[in-house]
Amino acid sequence: MATLAQMKTRIAEELQRSDLSARIASVITDAIEEYQGRRFAFNQTRATFSTVASQEYYDTTIIPTDIAQIDSMRVTANGRTTPVVESPFSLLERLSDGTSTRGEPSRWCWYGQQIRLYPIPDAIYTVSIAYLQRIDAPADNASNAWTNEANELIRACVCAKLCRKDLRDPEGAREYEYAELRAVRNLLRESSQLQGGPLVGSM
């Protein structure tokens, strides 16, 4: 498993430049941010949280802190699991009077970096969510999906950007851009195979 520091070293070696350490670090951050919203196999995940009786909104003290986009939500009550339907905030505003509407949640919306449930839970329920995960760059001595599963993608993206903007090497930039495109296609193909059908579009 490659660490971020190892990725930086390899990029410097590929470009044969030992004087670009700060730029390499900066452009790696840019490359990761560029691809954070794309849907790959490694950034789709699931999690659960528990509701609190009479609590309508749920922030990152309760829900995962790395949610980029929620794909689906289900609630389990009395051994039965049912979908919680995404709805516009304006509809939940019309439906809820804020005091008497209590029950098993059947609708949700994302508002103010929080999940809002309707009806307001009247008890503890287990809510399961499938979501696109926001994965940040790891620390230098650590690794994550960007330095492992997406290592080839990020390296190619960084080298292409540096060749184009810093090294004034258009031929090298084109070569790395092709490598970046191949890496994206490979990751998307892997995602499609794991899903067993057509790939869901990215954000």
C-alpha atoms as a PDB file:
ATOM      1  CA  MET A   1       0.000   0.000   0.000  1.00  0.00           C
ATOM      2  CA  ALA A   2       1.487   3.312  -1.109  1.00  0.00           C
ATOM      3  CA  THR A   3       1.607   6.290   1.214  1.00  0.00           C
ATOM      4  CA  LEU A   4       1.163   9.871   0.075  1.00  0.00           C
ATOM      5  CA  ALA A   5       4.891  10.481   0.601  1.00  0.00           C
ATOM      6  CA  GLN A   6       5.710   7.510  -1.636  1.00  0.00           C
ATOM      7  CA  MET A   7       3.361   8.857  -4.303  1.00  0.00           C
ATOM      8  CA  LYS A   8       5.135  12.238  -4.193  1.00  0.00           C
ATOM      9  CA  THR A   9       8.514  10.552  -4.544  1.00  0.00           C
ATOM     10  CA  ARG A  10       7.376   8.476  -7.500  1.00  0.00           C
ATOM     11  CA  ILE A  11       5.955  11.516  -9.308  1.00  0.00           C
ATOM     12  CA  ALA A  12       9.241  13.375  -8.833  1.00  0.00           C
ATOM     13  CA  GLU A  13      11.135  10.375 -10.198  1.00  0.00           C
ATOM     14  CA  GLU A  14       8.814  10.031 -13.205  1.00  0.00           C
ATOM     15  CA  LEU A  15       9.299  13.696 -14.088  1.00  0.00           C
ATOM     16  CA  GLN A  16      12.998  13.532 -13.181  1.00  0.00           C
ATOM     17  CA  ARG A  17      12.606  16.669 -11.105  1.00  0.00           C
ATOM     18  CA  SER A  18      13.745  16.901  -7.499  1.00  0.00           C
ATOM     19  CA  ASP A  19      12.950  20.610  -7.239  1.00  0.00           C
ATOM     20  CA  LEU A  20       9.155  20.404  -7.425  1.00  0.00           C
ATOM     21  CA  SER A  21       8.287  18.974  -4.012  1.00  0.00           C
ATOM     22  CA  ALA A  22       5.995  21.828  -2.970  1.00  0.00           C
ATOM     23  CA  ARG A  23       4.248  21.960  -6.353  1.00  0.00           C
ATOM     24  CA  ILE A  24       3.793  18.187  -6.444  1.00  0.00           C
ATOM     25  CA  ALA A  25       2.129  18.283  -3.024  1.00  0.00           C
ATOM     26  CA  SER A  26      -0.136  21.149  -4.076  1.00  0.00           C
ATOM     27  CA  VAL A  27      -1.135  19.578  -7.389  1.00  0.00           C
ATOM     28  CA  ILE A  28      -1.886  16.219  -5.733  1.00  0.00           C
ATOM     29  CA  THR A  29      -4.389  18.059  -3.544  1.00  0.00           C
ATOM     30  CA  ASP A  30      -5.883  19.700  -6.646  1.00  0.00           C
ATOM     31  CA  ALA A  31      -6.129  16.370  -8.466  1.00  0.00           C
ATOM     32  CA  ILE A  32      -7.867  14.660  -5.560  1.00  0.00           C
ATOM     33  CA  GLU A  33     -10.338  17.533  -5.232  1.00  0.00           C
ATOM     34  CA  GLU A  34     -11.007  17.312  -8.967  1.00  0.00           C
ATOM     35  CA  TYR A  35     -11.992  13.653  -8.708  1.00  0.00           C
ATOM     36  CA  GLN A  36     -13.691  13.640  -5.292  1.00  0.00           C
ATOM     37  CA  GLY A  37     -17.114  14.022  -6.857  1.00  0.00           C
ATOM     38  CA  ARG A  38     -16.660  11.222  -9.391  1.00  0.00           C
ATOM     39  CA  ARG A  39     -18.302   7.896  -8.651  1.00  0.00           C
ATOM     40  CA  PHE A  40     -15.911   4.965  -8.455  1.00  0.00           C
ATOM     41  CA  ALA A  41     -16.133   1.577  -6.757  1.00  0.00           C
ATOM     42  CA  PHE A  42     -13.935   2.683  -3.875  1.00  0.00           C
ATOM     43  CA  ASN A  43     -15.958   5.764  -2.875  1.00  0.00           C
ATOM     44  CA  GLN A  44     -19.381   4.147  -2.663  1.00  0.00           C
ATOM     45  CA  THR A  45     -20.212   2.921   0.824  1.00  0.00           C
ATOM     46  CA  ARG A  46     -22.929   2.307   3.409  1.00  0.00           C
ATOM     47  CA  ALA A  47     -23.465   3.284   7.011  1.00  0.00           C
ATOM     48  CA  THR A  48     -26.159   3.360   9.678  1.00  0.00           C
ATOM     49  CA  PHE A  49     -27.229   5.795  12.361  1.00  0.00           C
ATOM     50  CA  SER A  50     -29.889   5.746  15.047  1.00  0.00           C
ATOM     51  CA  THR A  51     -32.641   8.303  15.347  1.00  0.00           C
ATOM     52  CA  VAL A  52     -33.525  10.055  18.580  1.00  0.00           C
ATOM     53  CA  ALA A  53     -37.128  10.395  19.683  1.00  0.00           C
ATOM     54  CA  SER A  54     -38.453  13.890  18.854  1.00  0.00           C
ATOM     55  CA  GLN A  55     -35.267  14.894  16.986  1.00  0.00           C
ATOM     56  CA  GLU A  56     -35.900  16.121  13.444  1.00  0.00           C
ATOM     57  CA  TYR A  57     -32.404  17.118  12.199  1.00  0.00           C
ATOM     58  CA  TYR A  58     -29.229  14.981  12.260  1.00  0.00           C
ATOM     59  CA  ASP A  59     -25.768  16.501  11.804  1.00  0.00           C
ATOM     60  CA  THR A  60     -22.279  15.009  11.693  1.00  0.00           C
ATOM     61  CA  THR A  61     -22.277  14.311  15.405  1.00  0.00           C
ATOM     62  CA  ILE A  62     -24.636  11.451  14.476  1.00  0.00           C
ATOM     63  CA  ILE A  63     -24.363  10.833  10.734  1.00  0.00           C
ATOM     64  CA  PRO A  64     -21.101  10.088   8.855  1.00  0.00           C
ATOM     65  CA  THR A  65     -18.844  13.095   8.323  1.00  0.00           C
ATOM     66  CA  ASP A  66     -17.788  12.070   4.798  1.00  0.00           C
ATOM     67  CA  ILE A  67     -21.104  12.194   2.920  1.00  0.00           C
ATOM     68  CA  ALA A  68     -20.812  13.729  -0.544  1.00  0.00           C
ATOM     69  CA  GLN A  69     -24.139  12.501  -1.919  1.00  0.00           C
ATOM     70  CA  ILE A  70     -26.793  10.193  -0.488  1.00  0.00           C
ATOM     71  CA  ASP A  71     -27.983   7.538  -2.935  1.00  0.00           C
ATOM     72  CA  SER A  72     -30.621   5.806  -0.827  1.00  0.00           C
ATOM     73  CA  MET A  73     -31.996   5.644   2.690  1.00  0.00           C
ATOM     74  CA  ARG A  74     -33.966   2.932   4.491  1.00  0.00           C
ATOM     75  CA  VAL A  75     -35.400   2.677   7.984  1.00  0.00           C
ATOM     76  CA  THR A  76     -35.779  -0.486  10.062  1.00  0.00           C
ATOM     77  CA  ALA A  77     -38.621  -0.815  12.556  1.00  0.00           C
ATOM     78  CA  ASN A  78     -40.013  -3.967  14.177  1.00  0.00           C
ATOM     79  CA  GLY A  79     -37.900  -6.163  11.904  1.00  0.00           C
ATOM     80  CA  ARG A  80     -39.261  -4.461   8.783  1.00  0.00           C
ATOM     81  CA  THR A  81     -37.138  -2.312   6.456  1.00  0.00           C
ATOM     82  CA  THR A  82     -38.752   0.323   4.232  1.00  0.00           C
ATOM     83  CA  PRO A  83     -37.421   3.074   1.965  1.00  0.00           C
ATOM     84  CA  VAL A  84     -37.191   6.669   3.165  1.00  0.00           C
ATOM     85  CA  VAL A  85     -37.980   8.834   0.151  1.00  0.00           C
ATOM     86  CA  GLU A  86     -35.905  11.897  -0.695  1.00  0.00           C
ATOM     87  CA  SER A  87     -38.172  14.936  -0.835  1.00  0.00           C
ATOM     88  CA  PRO A  88     -37.753  18.685  -1.366  1.00  0.00           C
ATOM     89  CA  PHE A  89     -37.195  20.778   1.746  1.00  0.00           C
ATOM     90  CA  SER A  90     -40.204  22.891   0.766  1.00  0.00           C
ATOM     91  CA  LEU A  91     -42.472  19.820   0.857  1.00  0.00           C
ATOM     92  CA  LEU A  92     -41.281  18.834   4.335  1.00  0.00           C
ATOM     93  CA  GLU A  93     -41.910  22.407   5.445  1.00  0.00           C
ATOM     94  CA  ARG A  94     -45.514  22.123   4.282  1.00  0.00           C
ATOM     95  CA  LEU A  95     -46.053  18.663   5.766  1.00  0.00           C
ATOM     96  CA  SER A  96     -44.547  19.278   9.202  1.00  0.00           C
ATOM     97  CA  ASP A  97     -46.131  21.481  11.852  1.00  0.00           C
ATOM     98  CA  GLY A  98     -43.080  21.001  14.090  1.00  0.00           C
ATOM     99  CA  THR A  99     -45.001  19.779  17.121  1.00  0.00           C
ATOM    100  CA  SER A 100     -47.477  16.954  16.615  1.00  0.00           C
ATOM    101  CA  THR A 101     -46.121  15.081  13.600  1.00  0.00           C
ATOM    102  CA  ARG A 102     -44.363  12.039  15.028  1.00  0.00           C
ATOM    103  CA  GLY A 103     -43.840   8.532  13.695  1.00  0.00           C
ATOM    104  CA  GLU A 104     -41.625   6.273  11.623  1.00  0.00           C
ATOM    105  CA  PRO A 105     -39.683   8.420   9.127  1.00  0.00           C
ATOM    106  CA  SER A 106     -40.826   8.055   5.527  1.00  0.00           C
ATOM    107  CA  ARG A 107     -39.215  11.130   3.910  1.00  0.00           C
ATOM    108  CA  TRP A 108     -35.874  12.919   4.143  1.00  0.00           C
ATOM    109  CA  CYS A 109     -34.041  15.897   2.737  1.00  0.00           C
ATOM    110  CA  TRP A 110     -30.528  17.368   2.983  1.00  0.00           C
ATOM    111  CA  TYR A 111     -30.507  20.884   4.388  1.00  0.00           C
ATOM    112  CA  GLY A 112     -27.802  22.945   6.087  1.00  0.00           C
ATOM    113  CA  GLN A 113     -25.368  19.993   6.092  1.00  0.00           C
ATOM    114  CA  GLN A 114     -27.946  17.965   8.026  1.00  0.00           C
ATOM    115  CA  ILE A 115     -30.434  15.205   7.304  1.00  0.00           C
ATOM    116  CA  ARG A 116     -34.023  16.208   8.051  1.00  0.00           C
ATOM    117  CA  LEU A 117     -36.527  13.400   8.677  1.00  0.00           C
ATOM    118  CA  TYR A 118     -40.303  13.402   8.335  1.00  0.00           C
ATOM    119  CA  PRO A 119     -42.287  12.488  10.306  1.00  0.00           C
ATOM    120  CA  ILE A 120     -40.134  13.457  13.263  1.00  0.00           C
ATOM    121  CA  PRO A 121     -39.086  10.108  14.805  1.00  0.00           C
ATOM    122  CA  ASP A 122     -41.200   9.031  17.751  1.00  0.00           C
ATOM    123  CA  ALA A 123     -38.670   6.397  18.861  1.00  0.00           C
ATOM    124  CA  ILE A 124     -35.212   5.015  18.136  1.00  0.00           C
ATOM    125  CA  TYR A 125     -34.994   3.695  14.572  1.00  0.00           C
ATOM    126  CA  THR A 126     -32.021   2.325  12.651  1.00  0.00           C
ATOM    127  CA  VAL A 127     -31.492   4.267   9.436  1.00  0.00           C
ATOM    128  CA  SER A 128     -29.291   2.766   6.711  1.00  0.00           C
ATOM    129  CA  ILE A 129     -27.782   4.992   4.042  1.00  0.00           C
ATOM    130  CA  ALA A 130     -25.878   4.241   0.854  1.00  0.00           C
ATOM    131  CA  TYR A 131     -23.796   7.186  -0.209  1.00  0.00           C
ATOM    132  CA  LEU A 132     -20.969   8.613  -2.247  1.00  0.00           C
ATOM    133  CA  GLN A 133     -18.076   9.069   0.160  1.00  0.00           C
ATOM    134  CA  ARG A 134     -15.898  12.173   0.241  1.00  0.00           C
ATOM    135  CA  ILE A 135     -12.324  10.922   0.676  1.00  0.00           C
ATOM    136  CA  ASP A 136      -9.707  13.546   1.428  1.00  0.00           C
ATOM    137  CA  ALA A 137      -5.981  13.276   0.808  1.00  0.00           C
ATOM    138  CA  PRO A 138      -4.210  11.218   3.479  1.00  0.00           C
ATOM    139  CA  ALA A 139      -1.334  12.414   5.639  1.00  0.00           C
ATOM    140  CA  ASP A 140       2.166  11.963   4.222  1.00  0.00           C
ATOM    141  CA  ASN A 141       2.820   8.752   6.163  1.00  0.00           C
ATOM    142  CA  ALA A 142      -0.659   7.336   5.524  1.00  0.00           C
ATOM    143  CA  SER A 143      -2.533   5.841   2.595  1.00  0.00           C
ATOM    144  CA  ASN A 144      -6.118   5.614   1.374  1.00  0.00           C
ATOM    145  CA  ALA A 145      -8.006   4.958  -1.858  1.00  0.00           C
ATOM    146  CA  TRP A 146      -6.346   7.871  -3.671  1.00  0.00           C
ATOM    147  CA  THR A 147      -2.857   6.465  -3.102  1.00  0.00           C
ATOM    148  CA  ASN A 148      -3.926   2.853  -3.664  1.00  0.00           C
ATOM    149  CA  GLU A 149      -6.924   2.121  -5.932  1.00  0.00           C
ATOM    150  CA  ALA A 150      -6.607   5.483  -7.710  1.00  0.00           C
ATOM    151  CA  ASN A 151      -2.818   5.745  -7.555  1.00  0.00           C
ATOM    152  CA  GLU A 152      -2.344   5.561 -11.319  1.00  0.00           C
ATOM    153  CA  LEU A 153      -5.103   8.117 -11.911  1.00  0.00           C
ATOM    154  CA  ILE A 154      -3.780  10.702  -9.466  1.00  0.00           C
ATOM    155  CA  ARG A 155      -0.165  10.301 -10.607  1.00  0.00           C
ATOM    156  CA  ALA A 156      -1.128  10.732 -14.267  1.00  0.00           C
ATOM    157  CA  CYS A 157      -3.334  13.722 -13.484  1.00  0.00           C
ATOM    158  CA  VAL A 158      -0.579  15.411 -11.450  1.00  0.00           C
ATOM    159  CA  CYS A 159       2.103  14.756 -14.068  1.00  0.00           C
ATOM    160  CA  ALA A 160      -0.159  16.092 -16.824  1.00  0.00           C
ATOM    161  CA  LYS A 161      -0.847  19.295 -14.895  1.00  0.00           C
ATOM    162  CA  LEU A 162       2.829  19.829 -14.073  1.00  0.00           C
ATOM    163  CA  CYS A 163       3.949  19.182 -17.634  1.00  0.00           C
ATOM    164  CA  ARG A 164       1.368  21.590 -18.963  1.00  0.00           C
ATOM    165  CA  LYS A 165       1.718  24.433 -16.454  1.00  0.00           C
ATOM    166  CA  ASP A 166       5.188  24.175 -14.891  1.00  0.00           C
ATOM    167  CA  LEU A 167       7.444  22.294 -17.266  1.00  0.00           C
ATOM    168  CA  ARG A 168       6.050  23.723 -20.518  1.00  0.00           C
ATOM    169  CA  ASP A 169       6.116  20.234 -21.984  1.00  0.00           C
ATOM    170  CA  PRO A 170       2.990  19.838 -24.170  1.00  0.00           C
ATOM    171  CA  GLU A 171       4.064  16.444 -25.512  1.00  0.00           C
ATOM    172  CA  GLY A 172       4.567  15.100 -21.995  1.00  0.00           C
ATOM    173  CA  ALA A 173       1.261  16.632 -20.932  1.00  0.00           C
ATOM    174  CA  ARG A 174      -0.572  14.836 -23.757  1.00  0.00           C
ATOM    175  CA  GLU A 175       1.066  11.529 -22.850  1.00  0.00           C
ATOM    176  CA  TYR A 176      -0.001  11.814 -19.224  1.00  0.00           C
ATOM    177  CA  GLU A 177      -3.478  13.018 -20.172  1.00  0.00           C
ATOM    178  CA  TYR A 178      -3.941   9.817 -22.186  1.00  0.00           C
ATOM    179  CA  ALA A 179      -2.735   7.826 -19.167  1.00  0.00           C
ATOM    180  CA  GLU A 180      -5.172   9.736 -16.959  1.00  0.00           C
ATOM    181  CA  LEU A 181      -8.041   8.947 -19.322  1.00  0.00           C
ATOM    182  CA  ARG A 182      -7.115   5.248 -19.366  1.00  0.00           C
ATOM    183  CA  ALA A 183      -6.983   5.189 -15.573  1.00  0.00           C
ATOM    184  CA  VAL A 184     -10.439   6.795 -15.335  1.00  0.00           C
ATOM    185  CA  ARG A 185     -11.867   4.283 -17.793  1.00  0.00           C
ATOM    186  CA  ASN A 186     -10.360   1.365 -15.885  1.00  0.00           C
ATOM    187  CA  LEU A 187     -11.803   2.580 -12.589  1.00  0.00           C
ATOM    188  CA  LEU A 188     -15.228   3.167 -14.150  1.00  0.00           C
ATOM    189  CA  ARG A 189     -15.137  -0.280 -15.760  1.00  0.00           C
ATOM    190  CA  GLU A 190     -14.379  -1.802 -12.363  1.00  0.00           C
ATOM    191  CA  SER A 191     -17.304   0.108 -10.842  1.00  0.00           C
ATOM    192  CA  SER A 192     -19.633  -1.089 -13.580  1.00  0.00           C
ATOM    193  CA  GLN A 193     -18.571  -4.718 -13.146  1.00  0.00           C
ATOM    194  CA  LEU A 194     -19.101  -4.590  -9.396  1.00  0.00           C
ATOM    195  CA  GLN A 195     -22.576  -3.134  -9.847  1.00  0.00           C
ATOM    196  CA  GLY A 196     -23.470  -5.819 -12.348  1.00  0.00           C
ATOM    197  CA  GLY A 197     -25.053  -3.338 -14.726  1.00  0.00           C
ATOM    198  CA  PRO A 198     -24.763   0.109 -16.280  1.00  0.00           C
ATOM    199  CA  LEU A 199     -22.663   2.558 -14.316  1.00  0.00           C
ATOM    200  CA  VAL A 200     -24.599   5.133 -12.358  1.00  0.00           C
ATOM    201  CA  GLY A 201     -23.651   8.629 -13.521  1.00  0.00           C
ATOM    202  CA  SER A 202     -21.237  10.707 -11.511  1.00  0.00           C
ATOM    203  CA  MET A 203     -22.167  13.837  -9.618  1.00  0.00           C
END
